[in-house]
Each structure stands twice: as structure tokens, then as C-alpha cells.
Amino acid sequence: MLTKAKDKQTSYEFVMLEELVKEDHLLRKIDKYIDFSFIYDEVEELYCHDNGRPSVDPVVLFKMTLLQ
């Protein structure tokens, strides 16, 4: 069934990502103590430097997989 939005958005909400995650959250501790920059060296040969679409940051992909 097709539905259409009746109301239009009339306000904005500004949210800072830093405020959404508590200071003592496990993810903040992981980010503080683990340097994920080694991933770039591990995957560099898998990416083409002069052809194709821009990639998603490999560190972001790794962190998403880690969290799953």
C-alpha cells in the first residue's frame, strides 16, 4: 500500500555524536587503547589506486565487523 507523508518537517534537531556515547562506554576504551591504523597496511594491496569508486574506510569496515 502506498502512503504519503502528510506533514512536512518543520524543525531541526542538532545532535553531537560525542554526547550519545557515555564517557565510560566500552567502545571509548577500545578506541583509546587500540590503534587500528595497521589495517591500512594489511588491505592496501586489495584496493586499486587509480580505478574504481571511492572505498569505505577499511578501518570503519573492520570496526563494524568487530561490533557485530
PDB file of N, CA and C in Angstrom:
ATOM      1  N   MET A   1       0.843  -1.166   0.000  1.00  0.00           N
ATOM      2  CA  MET A   1       0.000   0.000   0.000  1.00  0.00           C
ATOM      3  C   MET A   1       0.897   1.240   0.000  1.00  0.00           C
ATOM      4  N   LEU A   2       0.588   2.181  -0.853  1.00  0.00           N
ATOM      5  CA  LEU A   2       1.355   3.415  -0.965  1.00  0.00           C
ATOM      6  C   LEU A   2       0.800   4.445   0.007  1.00  0.00           C
ATOM      7  N   THR A   3       1.671   4.993   0.812  1.00  0.00           N
ATOM      8  CA  THR A   3       1.260   6.069   1.719  1.00  0.00           C
ATOM      9  C   THR A   3       2.124   7.282   1.457  1.00  0.00           C
ATOM     10  N   LYS A   4       1.560   8.434   1.704  1.00  0.00           N
ATOM     11  CA  LYS A   4       2.288   9.678   1.511  1.00  0.00           C
ATOM     12  C   LYS A   4       2.370  10.421   2.830  1.00  0.00           C
ATOM     13  N   ALA A   5       3.504  11.077   3.040  1.00  0.00           N
ATOM     14  CA  ALA A   5       3.677  11.861   4.256  1.00  0.00           C
ATOM     15  C   ALA A   5       2.738  13.065   4.207  1.00  0.00           C
ATOM     16  N   LYS A   6       2.003  13.254   5.267  1.00  0.00           N
ATOM     17  CA  LYS A   6       1.050  14.361   5.316  1.00  0.00           C
ATOM     18  C   LYS A   6       1.672  15.619   5.890  1.00  0.00           C
ATOM     19  N   ASP A   7       2.565  15.431   6.826  1.00  0.00           N
ATOM     20  CA  ASP A   7       3.190  16.584   7.463  1.00  0.00           C
ATOM     21  C   ASP A   7       4.606  16.742   6.946  1.00  0.00           C
ATOM     22  N   LYS A   8       5.019  17.977   6.836  1.00  0.00           N
ATOM     23  CA  LYS A   8       6.388  18.262   6.438  1.00  0.00           C
ATOM     24  C   LYS A   8       7.203  18.543   7.686  1.00  0.00           C
ATOM     25  N   GLN A   9       8.482  18.274   7.588  1.00  0.00           N
ATOM     26  CA  GLN A   9       9.368  18.538   8.715  1.00  0.00           C
ATOM     27  C   GLN A   9       9.493  20.041   8.893  1.00  0.00           C
ATOM     28  N   THR A  10       9.235  20.491  10.106  1.00  0.00           N
ATOM     29  CA  THR A  10       9.278  21.932  10.357  1.00  0.00           C
ATOM     30  C   THR A  10      10.340  22.329  11.368  1.00  0.00           C
ATOM     31  N   SER A  11      11.087  21.363  11.860  1.00  0.00           N
ATOM     32  CA  SER A  11      12.114  21.695  12.839  1.00  0.00           C
ATOM     33  C   SER A  11      13.352  20.834  12.614  1.00  0.00           C
ATOM     34  N   TYR A  12      14.451  21.294  13.164  1.00  0.00           N
ATOM     35  CA  TYR A  12      15.718  20.578  13.082  1.00  0.00           C
ATOM     36  C   TYR A  12      16.166  20.189  14.483  1.00  0.00           C
ATOM     37  N   GLU A  13      16.902  19.110  14.552  1.00  0.00           N
ATOM     38  CA  GLU A  13      17.475  18.717  15.829  1.00  0.00           C
ATOM     39  C   GLU A  13      18.969  18.498  15.616  1.00  0.00           C
ATOM     40  N   PHE A  14      19.770  19.190  16.382  1.00  0.00           N
ATOM     41  CA  PHE A  14      21.205  19.060  16.282  1.00  0.00           C
ATOM     42  C   PHE A  14      21.694  18.116  17.376  1.00  0.00           C
ATOM     43  N   VAL A  15      22.414  17.089  16.958  1.00  0.00           N
ATOM     44  CA  VAL A  15      22.893  16.084  17.893  1.00  0.00           C
ATOM     45  C   VAL A  15      24.395  15.928  17.688  1.00  0.00           C
ATOM     46  N   MET A  16      25.126  15.922  18.791  1.00  0.00           N
ATOM     47  CA  MET A  16      26.563  15.659  18.728  1.00  0.00           C
ATOM     48  C   MET A  16      26.792  14.193  19.060  1.00  0.00           C
ATOM     49  N   LEU A  17      27.514  13.500  18.199  1.00  0.00           N
ATOM     50  CA  LEU A  17      27.757  12.082  18.433  1.00  0.00           C
ATOM     51  C   LEU A  17      28.487  11.833  19.740  1.00  0.00           C
ATOM     52  N   GLU A  18      29.344  12.750  20.133  1.00  0.00           N
ATOM     53  CA  GLU A  18      30.067  12.611  21.403  1.00  0.00           C
ATOM     54  C   GLU A  18      29.112  12.553  22.596  1.00  0.00           C
ATOM     55  N   GLU A  19      27.981  13.198  22.485  1.00  0.00           N
ATOM     56  CA  GLU A  19      27.017  13.203  23.586  1.00  0.00           C
ATOM     57  C   GLU A  19      26.185  11.925  23.636  1.00  0.00           C
ATOM     58  N   LEU A  20      26.154  11.166  22.560  1.00  0.00           N
ATOM     59  CA  LEU A  20      25.338   9.956  22.518  1.00  0.00           C
ATOM     60  C   LEU A  20      26.015   8.757  23.184  1.00  0.00           C
ATOM     61  N   VAL A  21      27.339   8.785  23.260  1.00  0.00           N
ATOM     62  CA  VAL A  21      28.079   7.673  23.861  1.00  0.00           C
ATOM     63  C   VAL A  21      28.639   8.123  25.200  1.00  0.00           C
ATOM     64  N   LYS A  22      28.345   7.371  26.251  1.00  0.00           N
ATOM     65  CA  LYS A  22      28.796   7.726  27.588  1.00  0.00           C
ATOM     66  C   LYS A  22      30.318   7.714  27.673  1.00  0.00           C
ATOM     67  N   GLU A  23      30.848   8.502  28.590  1.00  0.00           N
ATOM     68  CA  GLU A  23      32.297   8.624  28.756  1.00  0.00           C
ATOM     69  C   GLU A  23      32.968   7.307  29.138  1.00  0.00           C
ATOM     70  N   ASP A  24      32.291   6.456  29.896  1.00  0.00           N
ATOM     71  CA  ASP A  24      32.891   5.203  30.357  1.00  0.00           C
ATOM     72  C   ASP A  24      32.468   3.994  29.511  1.00  0.00           C
ATOM     73  N   HIS A  25      31.949   4.236  28.338  1.00  0.00           N
ATOM     74  CA  HIS A  25      31.476   3.155  27.471  1.00  0.00           C
ATOM     75  C   HIS A  25      32.657   2.322  26.958  1.00  0.00           C
ATOM     76  N   LEU A  26      32.436   1.033  26.787  1.00  0.00           N
ATOM     77  CA  LEU A  26      33.475   0.117  26.339  1.00  0.00           C
ATOM     78  C   LEU A  26      34.071   0.542  24.992  1.00  0.00           C
ATOM     79  N   LEU A  27      33.257   1.049  24.087  1.00  0.00           N
ATOM     80  CA  LEU A  27      33.765   1.441  22.776  1.00  0.00           C
ATOM     81  C   LEU A  27      34.763   2.587  22.867  1.00  0.00           C
ATOM     82  N   ARG A  28      34.569   3.480  23.808  1.00  0.00           N
ATOM     83  CA  ARG A  28      35.537   4.570  24.005  1.00  0.00           C
ATOM     84  C   ARG A  28      36.869   4.014  24.504  1.00  0.00           C
ATOM     85  N   LYS A  29      36.814   3.009  25.365  1.00  0.00           N
ATOM     86  CA  LYS A  29      38.040   2.403  25.877  1.00  0.00           C
ATOM     87  C   LYS A  29      38.788   1.663  24.764  1.00  0.00           C
ATOM     88  N   ILE A  30      38.059   0.945  23.946  1.00  0.00           N
ATOM     89  CA  ILE A  30      38.679   0.247  22.820  1.00  0.00           C
ATOM     90  C   ILE A  30      39.341   1.248  21.885  1.00  0.00           C
ATOM     91  N   ASP A  31      38.652   2.314  21.565  1.00  0.00           N
ATOM     92  CA  ASP A  31      39.199   3.334  20.661  1.00  0.00           C
ATOM     93  C   ASP A  31      40.429   4.013  21.259  1.00  0.00           C
ATOM     94  N   LYS A  32      40.453   4.146  22.557  1.00  0.00           N
ATOM     95  CA  LYS A  32      41.569   4.823  23.221  1.00  0.00           C
ATOM     96  C   LYS A  32      42.829   3.963  23.234  1.00  0.00           C
ATOM     97  N   TYR A  33      42.683   2.659  23.442  1.00  0.00           N
ATOM     98  CA  TYR A  33      43.836   1.796  23.667  1.00  0.00           C
ATOM     99  C   TYR A  33      44.293   0.985  22.453  1.00  0.00           C
ATOM    100  N   ILE A  34      43.469   0.860  21.444  1.00  0.00           N
ATOM    101  CA  ILE A  34      43.846   0.069  20.283  1.00  0.00           C
ATOM    102  C   ILE A  34      44.023   0.980  19.077  1.00  0.00           C
ATOM    103  N   ASP A  35      45.177   0.885  18.448  1.00  0.00           N
ATOM    104  CA  ASP A  35      45.464   1.649  17.247  1.00  0.00           C
ATOM    105  C   ASP A  35      45.133   0.775  16.032  1.00  0.00           C
ATOM    106  N   PHE A  36      44.082   1.140  15.325  1.00  0.00           N
ATOM    107  CA  PHE A  36      43.624   0.344  14.187  1.00  0.00           C
ATOM    108  C   PHE A  36      44.300   0.721  12.872  1.00  0.00           C
ATOM    109  N   SER A  37      45.295   1.578  12.907  1.00  0.00           N
ATOM    110  CA  SER A  37      45.925   2.033  11.662  1.00  0.00           C
ATOM    111  C   SER A  37      46.671   0.908  10.932  1.00  0.00           C
ATOM    112  N   PHE A  38      46.984  -0.191  11.617  1.00  0.00           N
ATOM    113  CA  PHE A  38      47.654  -1.315  10.964  1.00  0.00           C
ATOM    114  C   PHE A  38      46.806  -1.921   9.850  1.00  0.00           C
ATOM    115  N   ILE A  39      45.511  -1.706   9.911  1.00  0.00           N
ATOM    116  CA  ILE A  39      44.603  -2.283   8.921  1.00  0.00           C
ATOM    117  C   ILE A  39      44.892  -1.733   7.528  1.00  0.00           C
ATOM    118  N   TYR A  40      45.285  -0.466   7.443  1.00  0.00           N
ATOM    119  CA  TYR A  40      45.592   0.123   6.143  1.00  0.00           C
ATOM    120  C   TYR A  40      46.708  -0.646   5.441  1.00  0.00           C
ATOM    121  N   ASP A  41      47.742  -1.015   6.182  1.00  0.00           N
ATOM    122  CA  ASP A  41      48.844  -1.776   5.597  1.00  0.00           C
ATOM    123  C   ASP A  41      48.395  -3.172   5.164  1.00  0.00           C
ATOM    124  N   GLU A  42      47.493  -3.755   5.921  1.00  0.00           N
ATOM    125  CA  GLU A  42      47.021  -5.113   5.623  1.00  0.00           C
ATOM    126  C   GLU A  42      46.172  -5.177   4.355  1.00  0.00           C
ATOM    127  N   VAL A  43      45.409  -4.131   4.064  1.00  0.00           N
ATOM    128  CA  VAL A  43      44.463  -4.187   2.943  1.00  0.00           C
ATOM    129  C   VAL A  43      44.888  -3.344   1.740  1.00  0.00           C
ATOM    130  N   GLU A  44      45.996  -2.656   1.828  1.00  0.00           N
ATOM    131  CA  GLU A  44      46.402  -1.743   0.749  1.00  0.00           C
ATOM    132  C   GLU A  44      46.491  -2.444  -0.605  1.00  0.00           C
ATOM    133  N   GLU A  45      46.996  -3.645  -0.645  1.00  0.00           N
ATOM    134  CA  GLU A  45      47.149  -4.356  -1.917  1.00  0.00           C
ATOM    135  C   GLU A  45      45.819  -4.824  -2.500  1.00  0.00           C
ATOM    136  N   LEU A  46      44.764  -4.778  -1.728  1.00  0.00           N
ATOM    137  CA  LEU A  46      43.446  -5.215  -2.200  1.00  0.00           C
ATOM    138  C   LEU A  46      42.667  -4.101  -2.902  1.00  0.00           C
ATOM    139  N   TYR A  47      43.153  -2.865  -2.822  1.00  0.00           N
ATOM    140  CA  TYR A  47      42.471  -1.721  -3.403  1.00  0.00           C
ATOM    141  C   TYR A  47      43.247  -1.191  -4.596  1.00  0.00           C
ATOM    142  N   CYS A  48      42.533  -0.791  -5.637  1.00  0.00           N
ATOM    143  CA  CYS A  48      43.149  -0.188  -6.808  1.00  0.00           C
ATOM    144  C   CYS A  48      43.311   1.308  -6.543  1.00  0.00           C
ATOM    145  N   HIS A  49      44.493   1.849  -6.842  1.00  0.00           N
ATOM    146  CA  HIS A  49      44.768   3.248  -6.533  1.00  0.00           C
ATOM    147  C   HIS A  49      44.313   4.214  -7.624  1.00  0.00           C
ATOM    148  N   ASP A  50      44.061   3.711  -8.836  1.00  0.00           N
ATOM    149  CA  ASP A  50      43.742   4.632  -9.923  1.00  0.00           C
ATOM    150  C   ASP A  50      42.469   4.285 -10.688  1.00  0.00           C
ATOM    151  N   ASN A  51      41.660   3.368 -10.165  1.00  0.00           N
ATOM    152  CA  ASN A  51      40.472   2.958 -10.886  1.00  0.00           C
ATOM    153  C   ASN A  51      39.380   2.558  -9.888  1.00  0.00           C
ATOM    154  N   GLY A  52      38.146   2.743 -10.277  1.00  0.00           N
ATOM    155  CA  GLY A  52      37.033   2.306  -9.451  1.00  0.00           C
ATOM    156  C   GLY A  52      36.461   3.418  -8.593  1.00  0.00           C
ATOM    157  N   ARG A  53      35.446   3.068  -7.857  1.00  0.00           N
ATOM    158  CA  ARG A  53      34.774   4.031  -6.991  1.00  0.00           C
ATOM    159  C   ARG A  53      35.541   4.220  -5.699  1.00  0.00           C
ATOM    160  N   PRO A  54      35.334   5.362  -5.036  1.00  0.00           N
ATOM    161  CA  PRO A  54      35.971   5.563  -3.731  1.00  0.00           C
ATOM    162  C   PRO A  54      35.475   4.514  -2.729  1.00  0.00           C
ATOM    163  N   SER A  55      36.359   4.053  -1.898  1.00  0.00           N
ATOM    164  CA  SER A  55      36.003   2.990  -0.959  1.00  0.00           C
ATOM    165  C   SER A  55      35.529   3.559   0.366  1.00  0.00           C
ATOM    166  N   VAL A  56      34.894   2.691   1.122  1.00  0.00           N
ATOM    167  CA  VAL A  56      34.601   2.994   2.514  1.00  0.00           C
ATOM    168  C   VAL A  56      35.893   2.750   3.282  1.00  0.00           C
ATOM    169  N   ASP A  57      36.168   3.564   4.258  1.00  0.00           N
ATOM    170  CA  ASP A  57      37.390   3.436   5.040  1.00  0.00           C
ATOM    171  C   ASP A  57      37.493   2.014   5.607  1.00  0.00           C
ATOM    172  N   PRO A  58      38.582   1.289   5.309  1.00  0.00           N
ATOM    173  CA  PRO A  58      38.717  -0.090   5.793  1.00  0.00           C
ATOM    174  C   PRO A  58      38.682  -0.209   7.310  1.00  0.00           C
ATOM    175  N   VAL A  59      39.164   0.804   8.018  1.00  0.00           N
ATOM    176  CA  VAL A  59      39.116   0.762   9.478  1.00  0.00           C
ATOM    177  C   VAL A  59      37.662   0.803   9.955  1.00  0.00           C
ATOM    178  N   VAL A  60      36.846   1.594   9.305  1.00  0.00           N
ATOM    179  CA  VAL A  60      35.425   1.659   9.653  1.00  0.00           C
ATOM    180  C   VAL A  60      34.765   0.307   9.402  1.00  0.00           C
ATOM    181  N   LEU A  61      35.072  -0.308   8.269  1.00  0.00           N
ATOM    182  CA  LEU A  61      34.507  -1.626   7.975  1.00  0.00           C
ATOM    183  C   LEU A  61      34.936  -2.661   9.011  1.00  0.00           C
ATOM    184  N   PHE A  62      36.193  -2.615   9.409  1.00  0.00           N
ATOM    185  CA  PHE A  62      36.690  -3.558  10.419  1.00  0.00           C
ATOM    186  C   PHE A  62      35.987  -3.346  11.757  1.00  0.00           C
ATOM    187  N   LYS A  63      35.834  -2.096  12.153  1.00  0.00           N
ATOM    188  CA  LYS A  63      35.170  -1.816  13.432  1.00  0.00           C
ATOM    189  C   LYS A  63      33.715  -2.250  13.404  1.00  0.00           C
ATOM    190  N   MET A  64      33.051  -2.069  12.266  1.00  0.00           N
ATOM    191  CA  MET A  64      31.661  -2.517  12.169  1.00  0.00           C
ATOM    192  C   MET A  64      31.569  -4.030  12.319  1.00  0.00           C
ATOM    193  N   THR A  65      32.501  -4.739  11.699  1.00  0.00           N
ATOM    194  CA  THR A  65      32.526  -6.207  11.802  1.00  0.00           C
ATOM    195  C   THR A  65      32.840  -6.639  13.231  1.00  0.00           C
ATOM    196  N   LEU A  66      33.767  -5.953  13.854  1.00  0.00           N
ATOM    197  CA  LEU A  66      34.119  -6.252  15.241  1.00  0.00           C
ATOM    198  C   LEU A  66      32.915  -6.093  16.170  1.00  0.00           C
ATOM    199  N   LEU A  67      32.136  -5.058  15.948  1.00  0.00           N
ATOM    200  CA  LEU A  67      30.976  -4.807  16.811  1.00  0.00           C
ATOM    201  C   LEU A  67      29.859  -5.819  16.595  1.00  0.00           C
ATOM    202  N   GLN A  68      29.770  -6.356  15.404  1.00  0.00           N
ATOM    203  CA  GLN A  68      28.703  -7.317  15.135  1.00  0.00           C
ATOM    204  C   GLN A  68      28.941  -8.563  15.925  1.00  0.00           C
TER     205      GLN A  68
END
